[in-house]
Amino acid sequence: MPRQYEAVYIFDSALEEPAITEKLNRFHALLPQTGTDAIAVNHWGKRTLAYAIKKRDTGYYVIANFKAEPTQLPEFERAIKLDDGVLRHLVVVNEHDYAPVRDAADRSAEEDDE
């Protein structure tokens, strides 16, 4: 039975956004999805790290929400660990339903309707 997961990636800030997107597509290809269970990806961008990781002071943060079978996670996490561009990652079970990521314009339009 598929479960909801949330993954946080911290990429090397020297990577450009197209390279990061290509890596994410490669990782997420290991998680077969149906049309209704699309992977929601939120790019947070470059942020200063609280402490140096692999001698880097900044990292590019990405959050992804997806559904997957627990048996698919070992190969998924193995691929992430083998990638030199990923400084850190964390995959956790998300027991709450996630909504697609909305930007500030969507939220302000929704508030105006009220």
N, C-alpha and C. Protein backbone atom coordinates (compact mmCIF):
# COMPACT_ATOMS: atom_id res chain seq x y z
N MET A 1 0.84 -1.18 0.00
CA MET A 1 0.00 0.00 0.00
C MET A 1 0.89 1.25 0.00
N PRO A 2 0.70 2.15 -0.96
CA PRO A 2 1.54 3.36 -1.01
C PRO A 2 1.31 4.28 0.18
N ARG A 3 2.38 4.95 0.59
CA ARG A 3 2.31 5.90 1.69
C ARG A 3 2.78 7.26 1.21
N GLN A 4 2.37 8.29 1.93
CA GLN A 4 2.80 9.65 1.63
C GLN A 4 4.19 9.87 2.22
N TYR A 5 5.08 10.46 1.43
CA TYR A 5 6.42 10.78 1.90
C TYR A 5 6.75 12.23 1.57
N GLU A 6 7.65 12.79 2.36
CA GLU A 6 8.19 14.11 2.09
C GLU A 6 9.70 13.98 2.09
N ALA A 7 10.34 14.50 1.05
CA ALA A 7 11.80 14.45 0.94
C ALA A 7 12.34 15.87 0.90
N VAL A 8 13.39 16.10 1.66
CA VAL A 8 14.09 17.38 1.66
C VAL A 8 15.49 17.11 1.13
N TYR A 9 15.87 17.86 0.10
CA TYR A 9 17.20 17.73 -0.49
C TYR A 9 17.95 19.04 -0.28
N ILE A 10 19.23 18.95 0.04
CA ILE A 10 20.11 20.12 0.03
C ILE A 10 21.19 19.81 -0.99
N PHE A 11 21.14 20.55 -2.11
CA PHE A 11 22.11 20.38 -3.18
C PHE A 11 23.26 21.37 -3.01
N ASP A 12 24.38 21.06 -3.63
CA ASP A 12 25.51 21.97 -3.68
C ASP A 12 25.07 23.25 -4.38
N SER A 13 25.33 24.40 -3.78
CA SER A 13 24.85 25.66 -4.35
C SER A 13 25.58 26.03 -5.64
N ALA A 14 26.67 25.35 -5.97
CA ALA A 14 27.37 25.61 -7.22
C ALA A 14 26.61 25.07 -8.42
N LEU A 15 25.67 24.15 -8.20
CA LEU A 15 24.87 23.59 -9.29
C LEU A 15 23.84 24.62 -9.78
N GLU A 16 23.61 24.62 -11.08
CA GLU A 16 22.58 25.48 -11.66
C GLU A 16 21.22 24.78 -11.55
N GLU A 17 20.14 25.56 -11.63
CA GLU A 17 18.80 24.99 -11.47
C GLU A 17 18.47 23.91 -12.50
N PRO A 18 18.85 24.05 -13.79
CA PRO A 18 18.56 22.95 -14.73
C PRO A 18 19.25 21.63 -14.34
N ALA A 19 20.46 21.72 -13.80
CA ALA A 19 21.16 20.51 -13.36
C ALA A 19 20.45 19.87 -12.17
N ILE A 20 19.96 20.71 -11.27
CA ILE A 20 19.23 20.20 -10.11
C ILE A 20 17.93 19.54 -10.55
N THR A 21 17.23 20.16 -11.47
CA THR A 21 15.97 19.60 -11.98
C THR A 21 16.22 18.26 -12.66
N GLU A 22 17.32 18.15 -13.39
CA GLU A 22 17.66 16.89 -14.06
C GLU A 22 17.94 15.80 -13.03
N LYS A 23 18.64 16.14 -11.96
CA LYS A 23 18.91 15.17 -10.90
C LYS A 23 17.62 14.73 -10.22
N LEU A 24 16.73 15.69 -9.95
CA LEU A 24 15.45 15.36 -9.32
C LEU A 24 14.63 14.43 -10.22
N ASN A 25 14.61 14.69 -11.52
CA ASN A 25 13.88 13.83 -12.45
C ASN A 25 14.45 12.42 -12.44
N ARG A 26 15.77 12.31 -12.35
CA ARG A 26 16.41 10.99 -12.31
C ARG A 26 16.05 10.25 -11.02
N PHE A 27 16.08 10.97 -9.89
CA PHE A 27 15.71 10.34 -8.61
C PHE A 27 14.25 9.91 -8.62
N HIS A 28 13.37 10.80 -9.06
CA HIS A 28 11.94 10.53 -9.00
C HIS A 28 11.49 9.50 -10.04
N ALA A 29 12.30 9.26 -11.07
CA ALA A 29 11.99 8.21 -12.03
C ALA A 29 12.05 6.83 -11.37
N LEU A 30 12.73 6.73 -10.26
CA LEU A 30 12.80 5.46 -9.52
C LEU A 30 11.52 5.17 -8.74
N LEU A 31 10.63 6.16 -8.67
CA LEU A 31 9.36 6.02 -7.95
C LEU A 31 8.22 6.07 -8.95
N PRO A 32 7.75 4.91 -9.44
CA PRO A 32 6.66 4.93 -10.42
C PRO A 32 5.42 5.61 -9.84
N GLN A 33 4.85 6.54 -10.60
CA GLN A 33 3.68 7.31 -10.17
C GLN A 33 2.53 7.10 -11.15
N THR A 34 1.32 7.15 -10.62
CA THR A 34 0.15 7.18 -11.49
C THR A 34 -0.17 8.63 -11.80
N GLY A 35 -1.08 8.87 -12.72
CA GLY A 35 -1.39 10.24 -13.12
C GLY A 35 -1.92 11.10 -12.00
N THR A 36 -2.65 10.52 -11.06
CA THR A 36 -3.23 11.31 -9.97
C THR A 36 -2.26 11.53 -8.82
N ASP A 37 -1.18 10.80 -8.80
CA ASP A 37 -0.21 10.90 -7.70
C ASP A 37 1.08 11.56 -8.15
N ALA A 38 0.97 12.69 -8.80
CA ALA A 38 2.15 13.40 -9.28
C ALA A 38 3.00 13.87 -8.11
N ILE A 39 4.28 13.97 -8.35
CA ILE A 39 5.21 14.42 -7.31
C ILE A 39 5.18 15.93 -7.26
N ALA A 40 4.89 16.49 -6.09
CA ALA A 40 4.87 17.94 -5.89
C ALA A 40 6.25 18.38 -5.45
N VAL A 41 6.88 19.25 -6.24
CA VAL A 41 8.24 19.71 -5.96
C VAL A 41 8.21 21.21 -5.71
N ASN A 42 8.87 21.63 -4.63
CA ASN A 42 8.94 23.05 -4.26
C ASN A 42 10.41 23.44 -4.13
N HIS A 43 10.88 24.30 -5.04
CA HIS A 43 12.27 24.78 -4.99
C HIS A 43 12.33 25.97 -4.05
N TRP A 44 13.07 25.84 -2.96
CA TRP A 44 13.23 26.95 -2.02
C TRP A 44 14.38 27.84 -2.43
N GLY A 45 15.30 27.33 -3.21
CA GLY A 45 16.42 28.14 -3.67
C GLY A 45 17.63 28.06 -2.74
N LYS A 46 18.56 28.99 -2.96
CA LYS A 46 19.80 28.99 -2.19
C LYS A 46 19.57 29.60 -0.82
N ARG A 47 20.09 28.93 0.20
CA ARG A 47 19.98 29.38 1.59
C ARG A 47 21.32 29.18 2.28
N THR A 48 21.56 30.00 3.28
CA THR A 48 22.75 29.82 4.10
C THR A 48 22.52 28.67 5.07
N LEU A 49 23.50 27.80 5.18
CA LEU A 49 23.39 26.65 6.07
C LEU A 49 23.72 27.07 7.51
N ALA A 50 23.14 26.40 8.47
CA ALA A 50 23.40 26.70 9.87
C ALA A 50 24.85 26.34 10.25
N TYR A 51 25.39 25.34 9.58
CA TYR A 51 26.79 24.94 9.79
C TYR A 51 27.30 24.40 8.47
N ALA A 52 28.60 24.39 8.30
CA ALA A 52 29.21 23.94 7.05
C ALA A 52 28.97 22.44 6.84
N ILE A 53 28.58 22.09 5.63
CA ILE A 53 28.41 20.69 5.23
C ILE A 53 29.32 20.46 4.03
N LYS A 54 30.23 19.53 4.15
CA LYS A 54 31.21 19.25 3.10
C LYS A 54 31.91 20.53 2.65
N LYS A 55 32.28 21.37 3.62
CA LYS A 55 32.99 22.63 3.41
C LYS A 55 32.19 23.64 2.58
N ARG A 56 30.87 23.55 2.62
CA ARG A 56 30.00 24.49 1.92
C ARG A 56 29.21 25.28 2.95
N ASP A 57 29.05 26.58 2.70
CA ASP A 57 28.28 27.44 3.60
C ASP A 57 26.86 27.69 3.11
N THR A 58 26.59 27.42 1.83
CA THR A 58 25.25 27.61 1.28
C THR A 58 24.82 26.34 0.56
N GLY A 59 23.52 26.17 0.45
CA GLY A 59 22.96 25.01 -0.23
C GLY A 59 21.68 25.39 -0.95
N TYR A 60 21.29 24.60 -1.92
CA TYR A 60 20.06 24.81 -2.68
C TYR A 60 19.03 23.81 -2.15
N TYR A 61 17.96 24.31 -1.55
CA TYR A 61 16.96 23.47 -0.90
C TYR A 61 15.81 23.13 -1.86
N VAL A 62 15.37 21.87 -1.82
CA VAL A 62 14.21 21.41 -2.58
C VAL A 62 13.39 20.50 -1.67
N ILE A 63 12.06 20.69 -1.68
CA ILE A 63 11.13 19.85 -0.92
C ILE A 63 10.26 19.11 -1.94
N ALA A 64 10.07 17.81 -1.75
CA ALA A 64 9.22 17.02 -2.65
C ALA A 64 8.25 16.19 -1.82
N ASN A 65 6.99 16.13 -2.27
CA ASN A 65 5.96 15.29 -1.66
C ASN A 65 5.53 14.26 -2.70
N PHE A 66 5.45 13.00 -2.28
CA PHE A 66 5.11 11.95 -3.23
C PHE A 66 4.52 10.75 -2.50
N LYS A 67 3.89 9.87 -3.27
CA LYS A 67 3.40 8.59 -2.76
C LYS A 67 4.28 7.50 -3.34
N ALA A 68 4.62 6.53 -2.50
CA ALA A 68 5.46 5.43 -2.95
C ALA A 68 5.25 4.21 -2.07
N GLU A 69 5.59 3.08 -2.61
CA GLU A 69 5.60 1.85 -1.83
C GLU A 69 6.86 1.86 -0.96
N PRO A 70 6.78 1.39 0.26
CA PRO A 70 7.97 1.36 1.12
C PRO A 70 9.12 0.54 0.53
N THR A 71 8.81 -0.44 -0.30
CA THR A 71 9.86 -1.27 -0.91
C THR A 71 10.66 -0.51 -1.96
N GLN A 72 10.15 0.62 -2.45
CA GLN A 72 10.85 1.41 -3.47
C GLN A 72 11.89 2.35 -2.86
N LEU A 73 11.78 2.64 -1.57
CA LEU A 73 12.65 3.64 -0.94
C LEU A 73 14.13 3.26 -0.86
N PRO A 74 14.51 2.02 -0.60
CA PRO A 74 15.95 1.74 -0.51
C PRO A 74 16.72 2.10 -1.78
N GLU A 75 16.21 1.75 -2.95
CA GLU A 75 16.89 2.08 -4.20
C GLU A 75 16.88 3.58 -4.45
N PHE A 76 15.78 4.24 -4.10
CA PHE A 76 15.66 5.70 -4.23
C PHE A 76 16.71 6.40 -3.36
N GLU A 77 16.81 6.01 -2.10
CA GLU A 77 17.78 6.63 -1.19
C GLU A 77 19.22 6.28 -1.57
N ARG A 78 19.43 5.10 -2.12
CA ARG A 78 20.77 4.71 -2.57
C ARG A 78 21.23 5.61 -3.70
N ALA A 79 20.34 5.90 -4.64
CA ALA A 79 20.69 6.78 -5.76
C ALA A 79 21.03 8.18 -5.26
N ILE A 80 20.30 8.66 -4.26
CA ILE A 80 20.57 9.99 -3.71
C ILE A 80 21.93 10.00 -3.01
N LYS A 81 22.23 8.97 -2.22
CA LYS A 81 23.50 8.90 -1.50
C LYS A 81 24.70 8.86 -2.43
N LEU A 82 24.54 8.24 -3.60
CA LEU A 82 25.65 8.11 -4.54
C LEU A 82 25.90 9.39 -5.34
N ASP A 83 25.00 10.33 -5.30
CA ASP A 83 25.14 11.57 -6.07
C ASP A 83 26.00 12.57 -5.29
N ASP A 84 27.06 13.04 -5.90
CA ASP A 84 27.96 13.98 -5.23
C ASP A 84 27.36 15.37 -5.10
N GLY A 85 26.35 15.71 -5.88
CA GLY A 85 25.74 17.04 -5.83
C GLY A 85 24.81 17.23 -4.65
N VAL A 86 24.42 16.14 -3.99
CA VAL A 86 23.51 16.22 -2.84
C VAL A 86 24.35 16.29 -1.57
N LEU A 87 24.21 17.39 -0.84
CA LEU A 87 24.94 17.54 0.42
C LEU A 87 24.26 16.75 1.53
N ARG A 88 22.93 16.87 1.63
CA ARG A 88 22.14 16.16 2.64
C ARG A 88 20.75 15.87 2.05
N HIS A 89 20.12 14.85 2.60
CA HIS A 89 18.73 14.57 2.24
C HIS A 89 18.04 13.93 3.44
N LEU A 90 16.73 14.02 3.44
CA LEU A 90 15.93 13.40 4.49
C LEU A 90 14.60 13.01 3.88
N VAL A 91 14.20 11.77 4.06
CA VAL A 91 12.91 11.28 3.59
C VAL A 91 12.13 10.82 4.81
N VAL A 92 10.93 11.39 5.00
CA VAL A 92 10.10 11.04 6.14
C VAL A 92 8.69 10.69 5.67
N VAL A 93 8.00 9.90 6.47
CA VAL A 93 6.60 9.59 6.20
C VAL A 93 5.78 10.81 6.55
N ASN A 94 4.94 11.23 5.63
CA ASN A 94 4.07 12.38 5.83
C ASN A 94 2.66 11.84 6.08
N GLU A 95 2.25 11.82 7.32
CA GLU A 95 0.97 11.22 7.66
C GLU A 95 -0.21 12.13 7.37
N HIS A 96 0.07 13.37 7.00
CA HIS A 96 -0.99 14.32 6.66
C HIS A 96 -1.07 14.47 5.16
N ASP A 97 -2.27 14.67 4.65
CA ASP A 97 -2.40 14.91 3.22
C ASP A 97 -1.71 16.20 2.88
N TYR A 98 -1.04 16.22 1.76
CA TYR A 98 -0.39 17.44 1.33
C TYR A 98 -1.18 18.07 0.20
N ALA A 99 -1.20 19.37 0.19
CA ALA A 99 -1.85 20.11 -0.88
C ALA A 99 -0.78 20.57 -1.84
N PRO A 100 -1.12 20.74 -3.10
CA PRO A 100 -0.13 21.26 -4.03
C PRO A 100 0.39 22.61 -3.55
N VAL A 101 1.65 22.85 -3.82
CA VAL A 101 2.29 24.08 -3.37
C VAL A 101 1.65 25.27 -4.06
N ARG A 102 1.25 26.27 -3.26
CA ARG A 102 0.63 27.47 -3.82
C ARG A 102 1.58 28.63 -3.61
N ASP A 103 1.60 29.52 -4.59
CA ASP A 103 2.46 30.68 -4.41
C ASP A 103 1.68 31.80 -3.74
N ALA A 104 2.35 32.89 -3.44
CA ALA A 104 1.75 34.01 -2.70
C ALA A 104 0.58 34.63 -3.46
N ALA A 105 0.65 34.67 -4.79
CA ALA A 105 -0.43 35.26 -5.59
C ALA A 105 -1.72 34.46 -5.43
N ASP A 106 -1.61 33.12 -5.41
CA ASP A 106 -2.80 32.28 -5.22
C ASP A 106 -3.42 32.52 -3.86
N ARG A 107 -2.58 32.64 -2.83
CA ARG A 107 -3.09 32.86 -1.47
C ARG A 107 -3.76 34.22 -1.34
N SER A 108 -3.19 35.25 -1.94
CA SER A 108 -3.78 36.58 -1.83
C SER A 108 -5.10 36.66 -2.60
N ALA A 109 -5.20 35.97 -3.74
CA ALA A 109 -6.44 35.94 -4.51
C ALA A 109 -7.52 35.22 -3.72
N GLU A 110 -7.13 34.15 -3.02
CA GLU A 110 -8.08 33.40 -2.20
C GLU A 110 -8.59 34.26 -1.04
N GLU A 111 -7.69 35.03 -0.43
CA GLU A 111 -8.09 35.91 0.68
C GLU A 111 -9.00 37.02 0.20
N ASP A 112 -8.79 37.51 -1.04
CA ASP A 112 -9.65 38.56 -1.58
C ASP A 112 -11.06 38.08 -1.81
N ASP A 113 -11.20 36.77 -2.15
CA ASP A 113 -12.53 36.21 -2.39
C ASP A 113 -13.35 36.14 -1.11
N GLU A 114 -12.69 36.05 0.02
CA GLU A 114 -13.39 35.94 1.30
C GLU A 114 -13.86 37.27 1.68
